[in-house]
């Protein structure tokens, strides 16, 4: 990614890897390449004849020793570096897919690249993307979401303790203190050690909502009305709907990265199936996004 930092990816190649579409999957906050939604999408993409690359964000999937840095929602360049490395290996048809925090990374990268995206990258997809980071930090701190927040905080605090042990002198001991919210962690740890002024500066500069209007390749965004802690702000919705390159699927129910539907000829993981179908359509036609209905109910 940069001097002194690496990320860990698990790659699954079809017999003729250069003829197949390669799908890069990236997880959400405190997830990994072994997160259920990553494995589920990987299995469906593999069955559809695609190569699969399950990417761990920095420090995730047991890779803390591979970098002295932390991971955060602004590191869209890491996905870009993985994509360019795969292109350099001769893989000429790529798609990038992210979930939650990973969805922010994917849509942020797509917007940052805009018309300048590598021609080998055919499409992007994001499930429950946290595109408005400040709003998400506020939502997860609501009383009804505190269980989610505590779970994330415990994982983040365990990780910073390990980083302190692995890279003594880089992180202050006070970073080990108990934090009361994700926003406080981002203010005292993420921003401090990742080059941001404070949490507000981090959220503003790292939110994909700032650049979603610049996306120039076919992109699928899946979001649920009842997502407990990832809201989409009204202006973000306007930009999404105004961009003809984006297919926006918003369901009435689905929660956060869940989207369970009655199982029929598949396992009922509706969002995973929909992502693979969308990418298959882009790969086969290299044309405009699939005409899904604007609002669906899995």
C-alpha atoms as a PDB file:
ATOM      1  CA  UNK A   1       0.000   0.000   0.000  1.00  0.00           C
ATOM      2  CA  UNK A   2       2.844   2.323   0.982  1.00  0.00           C
ATOM      3  CA  UNK A   3       6.364   1.851   2.281  1.00  0.00           C
ATOM      4  CA  UNK A   4       6.250  -0.364   5.360  1.00  0.00           C
ATOM      5  CA  UNK A   5       2.576  -1.375   5.006  1.00  0.00           C
ATOM      6  CA  UNK A   6       0.945  -4.390   3.422  1.00  0.00           C
ATOM      7  CA  UNK A   7      -2.538  -5.897   3.354  1.00  0.00           C
ATOM      8  CA  UNK A   8      -3.467  -9.566   3.317  1.00  0.00           C
ATOM      9  CA  UNK A   9      -5.665 -10.901   0.504  1.00  0.00           C
ATOM     10  CA  UNK A  10      -6.964 -14.430  -0.060  1.00  0.00           C
ATOM     11  CA  UNK A  11      -7.231 -15.219  -3.776  1.00  0.00           C
ATOM     12  CA  UNK A  12      -9.335 -17.873  -5.490  1.00  0.00           C
ATOM     13  CA  UNK A  13      -8.584 -18.417  -9.178  1.00  0.00           C
ATOM     14  CA  UNK A  14     -10.692 -20.081 -11.838  1.00  0.00           C
ATOM     15  CA  UNK A  15      -8.881 -22.485 -14.204  1.00  0.00           C
ATOM     16  CA  UNK A  16      -8.548 -19.686 -16.780  1.00  0.00           C
ATOM     17  CA  UNK A  17      -8.108 -16.753 -14.460  1.00  0.00           C
ATOM     18  CA  UNK A  18      -7.390 -14.236 -17.209  1.00  0.00           C
ATOM     19  CA  UNK A  19     -10.711 -14.900 -18.969  1.00  0.00           C
ATOM     20  CA  UNK A  20     -12.812 -14.586 -15.803  1.00  0.00           C
ATOM     21  CA  UNK A  21     -14.094 -11.474 -14.062  1.00  0.00           C
ATOM     22  CA  UNK A  22     -12.122 -10.864 -10.837  1.00  0.00           C
ATOM     23  CA  UNK A  23     -14.203  -9.650  -7.893  1.00  0.00           C
ATOM     24  CA  UNK A  24     -12.409  -7.913  -5.014  1.00  0.00           C
ATOM     25  CA  UNK A  25     -14.427  -8.080  -1.768  1.00  0.00           C
ATOM     26  CA  UNK A  26     -13.736  -5.869   1.250  1.00  0.00           C
ATOM     27  CA  UNK A  27     -15.388  -6.121   4.685  1.00  0.00           C
ATOM     28  CA  UNK A  28     -16.725  -3.609   7.189  1.00  0.00           C
ATOM     29  CA  UNK A  29     -15.593  -2.233  10.541  1.00  0.00           C
ATOM     30  CA  UNK A  30     -13.908  -4.898  12.688  1.00  0.00           C
ATOM     31  CA  UNK A  31     -14.636  -7.534  10.038  1.00  0.00           C
ATOM     32  CA  UNK A  32     -12.222  -9.549   7.934  1.00  0.00           C
ATOM     33  CA  UNK A  33     -11.950 -11.697   4.838  1.00  0.00           C
ATOM     34  CA  UNK A  34     -13.733 -14.389   6.893  1.00  0.00           C
ATOM     35  CA  UNK A  35     -16.827 -12.298   7.628  1.00  0.00           C
ATOM     36  CA  UNK A  36     -19.973 -14.233   6.774  1.00  0.00           C
ATOM     37  CA  UNK A  37     -21.150 -11.798   4.096  1.00  0.00           C
ATOM     38  CA  UNK A  38     -17.703 -11.875   2.439  1.00  0.00           C
ATOM     39  CA  UNK A  39     -17.615 -15.674   2.400  1.00  0.00           C
ATOM     40  CA  UNK A  40     -21.211 -15.858   1.167  1.00  0.00           C
ATOM     41  CA  UNK A  41     -20.626 -13.437  -1.700  1.00  0.00           C
ATOM     42  CA  UNK A  42     -17.332 -15.135  -2.534  1.00  0.00           C
ATOM     43  CA  UNK A  43     -19.054 -18.518  -2.823  1.00  0.00           C
ATOM     44  CA  UNK A  44     -21.757 -17.111  -5.111  1.00  0.00           C
ATOM     45  CA  UNK A  45     -19.238 -15.262  -7.285  1.00  0.00           C
ATOM     46  CA  UNK A  46     -17.074 -18.382  -7.546  1.00  0.00           C
ATOM     47  CA  UNK A  47     -20.074 -20.488  -8.558  1.00  0.00           C
ATOM     48  CA  UNK A  48     -20.806 -17.888 -11.250  1.00  0.00           C
ATOM     49  CA  UNK A  49     -17.344 -18.444 -12.732  1.00  0.00           C
ATOM     50  CA  UNK A  50     -15.579 -15.429 -11.234  1.00  0.00           C
ATOM     51  CA  UNK A  51     -12.177 -15.132  -9.624  1.00  0.00           C
ATOM     52  CA  UNK A  52     -12.483 -13.917  -6.033  1.00  0.00           C
ATOM     53  CA  UNK A  53     -10.057 -11.816  -3.982  1.00  0.00           C
ATOM     54  CA  UNK A  54     -11.050 -11.470  -0.309  1.00  0.00           C
ATOM     55  CA  UNK A  55      -9.220  -8.384   0.900  1.00  0.00           C
ATOM     56  CA  UNK A  56      -8.456  -7.624   4.531  1.00  0.00           C
ATOM     57  CA  UNK A  57      -8.199  -3.973   5.432  1.00  0.00           C
ATOM     58  CA  UNK A  58      -4.996  -2.995   7.234  1.00  0.00           C
ATOM     59  CA  UNK A  59      -4.603  -4.846  10.560  1.00  0.00           C
ATOM     60  CA  UNK A  60      -7.604  -7.092   9.918  1.00  0.00           C
ATOM     61  CA  UNK A  61      -7.671 -10.859   9.578  1.00  0.00           C
ATOM     62  CA  UNK A  62      -4.689 -11.214  11.934  1.00  0.00           C
ATOM     63  CA  UNK A  63      -2.454  -8.922   9.840  1.00  0.00           C
ATOM     64  CA  UNK A  64      -1.579  -6.339  12.517  1.00  0.00           C
ATOM     65  CA  UNK A  65       2.135  -7.025  12.092  1.00  0.00           C
ATOM     66  CA  UNK A  66       2.055  -6.063   8.393  1.00  0.00           C
ATOM     67  CA  UNK A  67       1.763  -2.325   9.053  1.00  0.00           C
ATOM     68  CA  UNK A  68       2.524   0.147  11.839  1.00  0.00           C
ATOM     69  CA  UNK A  69      -0.533   2.183  10.802  1.00  0.00           C
ATOM     70  CA  UNK A  70      -4.222   1.883  11.692  1.00  0.00           C
ATOM     71  CA  UNK A  71      -7.092   1.286   9.277  1.00  0.00           C
ATOM     72  CA  UNK A  72      -9.852   3.805   8.707  1.00  0.00           C
ATOM     73  CA  UNK A  73     -12.682   4.757   6.357  1.00  0.00           C
ATOM     74  CA  UNK A  74     -10.555   7.077   4.245  1.00  0.00           C
ATOM     75  CA  UNK A  75      -8.081   4.487   2.953  1.00  0.00           C
ATOM     76  CA  UNK A  76      -9.772   4.004  -0.413  1.00  0.00           C
ATOM     77  CA  UNK A  77      -6.324   4.076  -1.985  1.00  0.00           C
ATOM     78  CA  UNK A  78      -5.629   0.645  -0.509  1.00  0.00           C
ATOM     79  CA  UNK A  79      -8.364  -0.875  -2.666  1.00  0.00           C
ATOM     80  CA  UNK A  80      -6.968   1.021  -5.617  1.00  0.00           C
ATOM     81  CA  UNK A  81      -3.517  -0.416  -4.948  1.00  0.00           C
ATOM     82  CA  UNK A  82      -4.925  -3.963  -4.827  1.00  0.00           C
ATOM     83  CA  UNK A  83      -6.801  -3.365  -8.094  1.00  0.00           C
ATOM     84  CA  UNK A  84      -3.697  -2.033  -9.822  1.00  0.00           C
ATOM     85  CA  UNK A  85      -1.615  -4.966  -8.559  1.00  0.00           C
ATOM     86  CA  UNK A  86      -4.139  -7.398 -10.035  1.00  0.00           C
ATOM     87  CA  UNK A  87      -4.156  -5.501 -13.329  1.00  0.00           C
ATOM     88  CA  UNK A  88      -0.370  -5.672 -13.384  1.00  0.00           C
ATOM     89  CA  UNK A  89      -0.706  -9.462 -13.108  1.00  0.00           C
ATOM     90  CA  UNK A  90      -2.661  -9.473 -16.357  1.00  0.00           C
ATOM     91  CA  UNK A  91      -6.207  -9.568 -14.960  1.00  0.00           C
ATOM     92  CA  UNK A  92      -8.118  -7.301 -17.312  1.00  0.00           C
ATOM     93  CA  UNK A  93     -11.701  -7.467 -15.943  1.00  0.00           C
ATOM     94  CA  UNK A  94     -12.244  -6.358 -12.357  1.00  0.00           C
ATOM     95  CA  UNK A  95     -15.112  -5.379 -10.081  1.00  0.00           C
ATOM     96  CA  UNK A  96     -14.801  -3.950  -6.558  1.00  0.00           C
ATOM     97  CA  UNK A  97     -17.382  -4.768  -3.873  1.00  0.00           C
ATOM     98  CA  UNK A  98     -17.613  -3.443  -0.314  1.00  0.00           C
ATOM     99  CA  UNK A  99     -19.829  -3.913   2.727  1.00  0.00           C
ATOM    100  CA  UNK A 100     -20.593  -1.206   5.307  1.00  0.00           C
ATOM    101  CA  UNK A 101     -17.260   0.567   5.943  1.00  0.00           C
ATOM    102  CA  UNK A 102     -15.916  -1.314   2.925  1.00  0.00           C
ATOM    103  CA  UNK A 103     -18.858   0.045   0.943  1.00  0.00           C
ATOM    104  CA  UNK A 104     -17.733   3.576   1.793  1.00  0.00           C
ATOM    105  CA  UNK A 105     -14.233   2.707   0.587  1.00  0.00           C
ATOM    106  CA  UNK A 106     -15.532   1.315  -2.703  1.00  0.00           C
ATOM    107  CA  UNK A 107     -17.854   4.204  -3.522  1.00  0.00           C
ATOM    108  CA  UNK A 108     -15.253   6.742  -2.377  1.00  0.00           C
ATOM    109  CA  UNK A 109     -12.672   5.193  -4.682  1.00  0.00           C
ATOM    110  CA  UNK A 110     -15.157   5.060  -7.566  1.00  0.00           C
ATOM    111  CA  UNK A 111     -15.885   8.774  -7.096  1.00  0.00           C
ATOM    112  CA  UNK A 112     -12.233   9.708  -6.704  1.00  0.00           C
ATOM    113  CA  UNK A 113     -11.339   7.842  -9.890  1.00  0.00           C
ATOM    114  CA  UNK A 114     -14.325   9.185 -11.817  1.00  0.00           C
ATOM    115  CA  UNK A 115     -13.633   9.174 -15.555  1.00  0.00           C
ATOM    116  CA  UNK A 116     -10.030   8.263 -14.799  1.00  0.00           C
ATOM    117  CA  UNK A 117     -10.794   4.796 -13.408  1.00  0.00           C
ATOM    118  CA  UNK A 118      -8.609   2.078 -14.942  1.00  0.00           C
ATOM    119  CA  UNK A 119     -10.398   0.672 -18.010  1.00  0.00           C
ATOM    120  CA  UNK A 120     -10.030  -2.826 -16.541  1.00  0.00           C
ATOM    121  CA  UNK A 121     -12.365  -1.945 -13.645  1.00  0.00           C
ATOM    122  CA  UNK A 122     -15.817  -2.615 -15.069  1.00  0.00           C
ATOM    123  CA  UNK A 123     -18.086  -2.036 -12.063  1.00  0.00           C
ATOM    124  CA  UNK A 124     -18.476  -1.316  -8.358  1.00  0.00           C
ATOM    125  CA  UNK A 125     -20.996  -2.494  -5.760  1.00  0.00           C
ATOM    126  CA  UNK A 126     -21.676  -1.465  -2.149  1.00  0.00           C
ATOM    127  CA  UNK A 127     -23.988  -3.065   0.412  1.00  0.00           C
ATOM    128  CA  UNK A 128     -25.092  -0.916   3.384  1.00  0.00           C
ATOM    129  CA  UNK A 129     -22.303   1.600   2.694  1.00  0.00           C
ATOM    130  CA  UNK A 130     -21.476   4.058   5.491  1.00  0.00           C
ATOM    131  CA  UNK A 131     -21.245   7.001   3.097  1.00  0.00           C
ATOM    132  CA  UNK A 132     -22.143   9.676   5.686  1.00  0.00           C
ATOM    133  CA  UNK A 133     -19.692   8.905   8.470  1.00  0.00           C
ATOM    134  CA  UNK A 134     -20.650  11.629  10.954  1.00  0.00           C
ATOM    135  CA  UNK A 135     -24.329  10.662  10.729  1.00  0.00           C
ATOM    136  CA  UNK A 136     -23.416   7.002  11.222  1.00  0.00           C
ATOM    137  CA  UNK A 137     -21.315   7.800  14.306  1.00  0.00           C
ATOM    138  CA  UNK A 138     -24.255   9.700  15.779  1.00  0.00           C
ATOM    139  CA  UNK A 139     -26.737   6.933  14.915  1.00  0.00           C
ATOM    140  CA  UNK A 140     -24.708   4.139  16.478  1.00  0.00           C
ATOM    141  CA  UNK A 141     -24.519   6.122  19.734  1.00  0.00           C
ATOM    142  CA  UNK A 142     -28.306   6.173  20.104  1.00  0.00           C
ATOM    143  CA  UNK A 143     -29.550   4.133  23.109  1.00  0.00           C
ATOM    144  CA  UNK A 144     -31.129   1.460  20.932  1.00  0.00           C
ATOM    145  CA  UNK A 145     -27.805   0.892  19.154  1.00  0.00           C
ATOM    146  CA  UNK A 146     -25.465   0.881  22.121  1.00  0.00           C
ATOM    147  CA  UNK A 147     -24.966  -2.889  21.951  1.00  0.00           C
ATOM    148  CA  UNK A 148     -23.596  -2.520  18.426  1.00  0.00           C
ATOM    149  CA  UNK A 149     -21.370   0.359  19.507  1.00  0.00           C
ATOM    150  CA  UNK A 150     -19.961  -1.495  22.519  1.00  0.00           C
ATOM    151  CA  UNK A 151     -19.162  -4.480  20.319  1.00  0.00           C
ATOM    152  CA  UNK A 152     -17.266  -2.307  17.839  1.00  0.00           C
ATOM    153  CA  UNK A 153     -15.477  -0.430  20.618  1.00  0.00           C
ATOM    154  CA  UNK A 154     -14.285  -3.592  22.327  1.00  0.00           C
ATOM    155  CA  UNK A 155     -12.778  -4.792  19.057  1.00  0.00           C
ATOM    156  CA  UNK A 156     -11.142  -1.431  18.309  1.00  0.00           C
ATOM    157  CA  UNK A 157      -9.713  -1.235  21.821  1.00  0.00           C
ATOM    158  CA  UNK A 158      -8.279  -4.756  21.606  1.00  0.00           C
ATOM    159  CA  UNK A 159      -6.638  -3.828  18.325  1.00  0.00           C
ATOM    160  CA  UNK A 160      -5.016  -0.638  19.617  1.00  0.00           C
ATOM    161  CA  UNK A 161      -3.650  -2.546  22.619  1.00  0.00           C
ATOM    162  CA  UNK A 162      -2.005  -5.002  20.235  1.00  0.00           C
ATOM    163  CA  UNK A 163      -0.613  -2.169  18.095  1.00  0.00           C
ATOM    164  CA  UNK A 164       0.916  -0.586  21.200  1.00  0.00           C
ATOM    165  CA  UNK A 165       2.691  -3.872  21.958  1.00  0.00           C
ATOM    166  CA  UNK A 166       3.824  -4.440  18.370  1.00  0.00           C
ATOM    167  CA  UNK A 167       5.006  -0.887  17.700  1.00  0.00           C
ATOM    168  CA  UNK A 168       6.123   0.563  21.050  1.00  0.00           C
ATOM    169  CA  UNK A 169       6.701   4.286  20.987  1.00  0.00           C
ATOM    170  CA  UNK A 170       4.376   4.942  18.047  1.00  0.00           C
ATOM    171  CA  UNK A 171       1.172   5.047  20.080  1.00  0.00           C
ATOM    172  CA  UNK A 172       0.702   6.858  23.394  1.00  0.00           C
ATOM    173  CA  UNK A 173      -0.285   4.775  26.403  1.00  0.00           C
ATOM    174  CA  UNK A 174      -3.344   6.947  26.969  1.00  0.00           C
ATOM    175  CA  UNK A 175      -4.747   5.506  23.734  1.00  0.00           C
ATOM    176  CA  UNK A 176      -5.479   2.395  25.789  1.00  0.00           C
ATOM    177  CA  UNK A 177      -8.087   4.088  27.970  1.00  0.00           C
ATOM    178  CA  UNK A 178     -11.732   3.083  27.734  1.00  0.00           C
ATOM    179  CA  UNK A 179     -13.709   5.090  25.169  1.00  0.00           C
ATOM    180  CA  UNK A 180     -17.396   5.903  25.582  1.00  0.00           C
ATOM    181  CA  UNK A 181     -18.313   6.127  21.894  1.00  0.00           C
ATOM    182  CA  UNK A 182     -17.070   5.404  18.388  1.00  0.00           C
ATOM    183  CA  UNK A 183     -16.868   9.149  17.835  1.00  0.00           C
ATOM    184  CA  UNK A 184     -14.600   9.522  20.877  1.00  0.00           C
ATOM    185  CA  UNK A 185     -12.380   6.691  19.602  1.00  0.00           C
ATOM    186  CA  UNK A 186     -12.161   8.329  16.190  1.00  0.00           C
ATOM    187  CA  UNK A 187     -11.350  11.682  17.777  1.00  0.00           C
ATOM    188  CA  UNK A 188      -8.707  10.409  20.201  1.00  0.00           C
ATOM    189  CA  UNK A 189      -7.178   7.539  18.193  1.00  0.00           C
ATOM    190  CA  UNK A 190      -8.173   7.342  14.516  1.00  0.00           C
ATOM    191  CA  UNK A 191      -7.778  11.045  13.764  1.00  0.00           C
ATOM    192  CA  UNK A 192      -4.711  11.474  15.969  1.00  0.00           C
ATOM    193  CA  UNK A 193      -2.698   8.724  14.310  1.00  0.00           C
ATOM    194  CA  UNK A 194      -4.025   9.009  10.760  1.00  0.00           C
ATOM    195  CA  UNK A 195      -3.365  12.642   9.902  1.00  0.00           C
ATOM    196  CA  UNK A 196      -6.754  14.220  10.650  1.00  0.00           C
ATOM    197  CA  UNK A 197      -7.397  17.249  12.839  1.00  0.00           C
ATOM    198  CA  UNK A 198     -10.209  15.580  14.794  1.00  0.00           C
ATOM    199  CA  UNK A 199     -13.160  13.231  14.304  1.00  0.00           C
ATOM    200  CA  UNK A 200     -15.168  15.835  12.378  1.00  0.00           C
ATOM    201  CA  UNK A 201     -12.284  16.404   9.966  1.00  0.00           C
ATOM    202  CA  UNK A 202     -11.888  12.641   9.542  1.00  0.00           C
ATOM    203  CA  UNK A 203     -15.588  12.117   8.855  1.00  0.00           C
ATOM    204  CA  UNK A 204     -15.780  15.014   6.407  1.00  0.00           C
ATOM    205  CA  UNK A 205     -12.726  14.036   4.367  1.00  0.00           C
ATOM    206  CA  UNK A 206     -13.411  10.292   4.381  1.00  0.00           C
ATOM    207  CA  UNK A 207     -17.129  10.142   3.522  1.00  0.00           C
ATOM    208  CA  UNK A 208     -17.948   8.823   0.055  1.00  0.00           C
ATOM    209  CA  UNK A 209     -20.960  11.155  -0.076  1.00  0.00           C
ATOM    210  CA  UNK A 210     -18.544  13.946  -1.045  1.00  0.00           C
ATOM    211  CA  UNK A 211     -17.664  12.284  -4.352  1.00  0.00           C
ATOM    212  CA  UNK A 212     -20.562   9.940  -5.174  1.00  0.00           C
ATOM    213  CA  UNK A 213     -21.756  12.346  -7.874  1.00  0.00           C
ATOM    214  CA  UNK A 214     -18.472  11.760  -9.763  1.00  0.00           C
ATOM    215  CA  UNK A 215     -18.887   7.991 -10.145  1.00  0.00           C
ATOM    216  CA  UNK A 216     -18.527   7.204 -13.850  1.00  0.00           C
ATOM    217  CA  UNK A 217     -18.735   3.391 -13.997  1.00  0.00           C
ATOM    218  CA  UNK A 218     -21.735   1.104 -13.403  1.00  0.00           C
ATOM    219  CA  UNK A 219     -22.245   0.973  -9.633  1.00  0.00           C
ATOM    220  CA  UNK A 220     -24.774  -0.850  -7.474  1.00  0.00           C
ATOM    221  CA  UNK A 221     -25.702   0.581  -4.058  1.00  0.00           C
ATOM    222  CA  UNK A 222     -27.940  -1.515  -1.780  1.00  0.00           C
ATOM    223  CA  UNK A 223     -29.411   0.078   1.346  1.00  0.00           C
ATOM    224  CA  UNK A 224     -32.261  -0.715   3.715  1.00  0.00           C
ATOM    225  CA  UNK A 225     -34.776   1.691   5.235  1.00  0.00           C
ATOM    226  CA  UNK A 226     -34.434  -0.111   8.570  1.00  0.00           C
ATOM    227  CA  UNK A 227     -30.629  -0.129   8.795  1.00  0.00           C
ATOM    228  CA  UNK A 228     -30.179   0.604  12.516  1.00  0.00           C
ATOM    229  CA  UNK A 229     -27.022   2.716  12.316  1.00  0.00           C
ATOM    230  CA  UNK A 230     -26.142   3.570   8.698  1.00  0.00           C
ATOM    231  CA  UNK A 231     -28.368   6.420   7.515  1.00  0.00           C
ATOM    232  CA  UNK A 232     -28.166   8.040   4.093  1.00  0.00           C
ATOM    233  CA  UNK A 233     -28.608  11.807   4.346  1.00  0.00           C
ATOM    234  CA  UNK A 234     -31.110  13.526   2.011  1.00  0.00           C
ATOM    235  CA  UNK A 235     -28.411  15.260  -0.054  1.00  0.00           C
ATOM    236  CA  UNK A 236     -26.566  11.963  -0.492  1.00  0.00           C
ATOM    237  CA  UNK A 237     -29.754  10.384  -1.822  1.00  0.00           C
ATOM    238  CA  UNK A 238     -30.157  13.259  -4.272  1.00  0.00           C
ATOM    239  CA  UNK A 239     -26.628  12.750  -5.594  1.00  0.00           C
ATOM    240  CA  UNK A 240     -27.086   8.986  -5.846  1.00  0.00           C
ATOM    241  CA  UNK A 241     -30.383   9.238  -7.723  1.00  0.00           C
ATOM    242  CA  UNK A 242     -29.060  11.967 -10.022  1.00  0.00           C
ATOM    243  CA  UNK A 243     -26.105   9.865 -11.176  1.00  0.00           C
ATOM    244  CA  UNK A 244     -27.133   7.703 -14.173  1.00  0.00           C
ATOM    245  CA  UNK A 245     -24.228   5.333 -13.540  1.00  0.00           C
ATOM    246  CA  UNK A 246     -25.644   4.233 -10.176  1.00  0.00           C
ATOM    247  CA  UNK A 247     -28.303   1.588  -9.655  1.00  0.00           C
ATOM    248  CA  UNK A 248     -29.803   2.313  -6.232  1.00  0.00           C
ATOM    249  CA  UNK A 249     -31.760  -0.469  -4.535  1.00  0.00           C
ATOM    250  CA  UNK A 250     -33.439   0.524  -1.297  1.00  0.00           C
ATOM    251  CA  UNK A 251     -35.428  -2.111   0.572  1.00  0.00           C
ATOM    252  CA  UNK A 252     -38.034  -1.683   3.293  1.00  0.00           C
ATOM    253  CA  UNK A 253     -36.361  -4.347   5.417  1.00  0.00           C
ATOM    254  CA  UNK A 254     -32.886  -5.773   5.433  1.00  0.00           C
ATOM    255  CA  UNK A 255     -31.143  -4.349   8.468  1.00  0.00           C
ATOM    256  CA  UNK A 256     -27.418  -3.862   8.188  1.00  0.00           C
ATOM    257  CA  UNK A 257     -25.761  -6.176   5.628  1.00  0.00           C
ATOM    258  CA  UNK A 258     -28.442  -8.815   6.296  1.00  0.00           C
ATOM    259  CA  UNK A 259     -31.150  -8.746   3.591  1.00  0.00           C
ATOM    260  CA  UNK A 260     -32.597 -12.181   4.277  1.00  0.00           C
ATOM    261  CA  UNK A 261     -35.203 -13.449   1.843  1.00  0.00           C
ATOM    262  CA  UNK A 262     -37.080 -16.756   1.659  1.00  0.00           C
ATOM    263  CA  UNK A 263     -34.658 -19.430   0.488  1.00  0.00           C
ATOM    264  CA  UNK A 264     -35.566 -21.040  -2.800  1.00  0.00           C
ATOM    265  CA  UNK A 265     -32.930 -22.050  -5.287  1.00  0.00           C
ATOM    266  CA  UNK A 266     -30.284 -20.266  -3.156  1.00  0.00           C
ATOM    267  CA  UNK A 267     -29.604 -19.610   0.549  1.00  0.00           C
ATOM    268  CA  UNK A 268     -31.771 -16.494   0.857  1.00  0.00           C
ATOM    269  CA  UNK A 269     -28.861 -14.055   1.221  1.00  0.00           C
ATOM    270  CA  UNK A 270     -30.541 -11.613  -1.127  1.00  0.00           C
ATOM    271  CA  UNK A 271     -27.926  -8.832  -1.249  1.00  0.00           C
ATOM    272  CA  UNK A 272     -25.107 -11.271  -1.978  1.00  0.00           C
ATOM    273  CA  UNK A 273     -27.096 -12.819  -4.822  1.00  0.00           C
ATOM    274  CA  UNK A 274     -28.080  -9.413  -6.189  1.00  0.00           C
ATOM    275  CA  UNK A 275     -24.466  -8.185  -6.236  1.00  0.00           C
ATOM    276  CA  UNK A 276     -23.328 -11.252  -8.182  1.00  0.00           C
ATOM    277  CA  UNK A 277     -26.205 -10.920 -10.654  1.00  0.00           C
ATOM    278  CA  UNK A 278     -25.385  -7.238 -11.176  1.00  0.00           C
ATOM    279  CA  UNK A 279     -21.706  -7.976 -11.805  1.00  0.00           C
ATOM    280  CA  UNK A 280     -22.531 -10.857 -14.140  1.00  0.00           C
ATOM    281  CA  UNK A 281     -24.673  -8.494 -16.205  1.00  0.00           C
ATOM    282  CA  UNK A 282     -21.889  -5.907 -16.414  1.00  0.00           C
ATOM    283  CA  UNK A 283     -19.314  -8.517 -17.388  1.00  0.00           C
ATOM    284  CA  UNK A 284     -21.470 -10.089 -20.074  1.00  0.00           C
ATOM    285  CA  UNK A 285     -22.658  -6.878 -21.678  1.00  0.00           C
ATOM    286  CA  UNK A 286     -20.262  -4.139 -20.458  1.00  0.00           C
ATOM    287  CA  UNK A 287     -23.261  -1.865 -20.839  1.00  0.00           C
ATOM    288  CA  UNK A 288     -25.545   0.193 -18.615  1.00  0.00           C
ATOM    289  CA  UNK A 289     -26.636  -0.982 -15.129  1.00  0.00           C
ATOM    290  CA  UNK A 290     -29.319  -3.628 -14.793  1.00  0.00           C
ATOM    291  CA  UNK A 291     -32.821  -2.161 -14.577  1.00  0.00           C
ATOM    292  CA  UNK A 292     -33.743  -3.212 -11.043  1.00  0.00           C
ATOM    293  CA  UNK A 293     -36.794  -1.519  -9.489  1.00  0.00           C
ATOM    294  CA  UNK A 294     -35.941   1.534  -7.401  1.00  0.00           C
ATOM    295  CA  UNK A 295     -37.476   0.145  -4.217  1.00  0.00           C
ATOM    296  CA  UNK A 296     -37.665  -3.563  -3.564  1.00  0.00           C
ATOM    297  CA  UNK A 297     -38.668  -5.717  -0.633  1.00  0.00           C
ATOM    298  CA  UNK A 298     -36.660  -8.929  -0.213  1.00  0.00           C
END
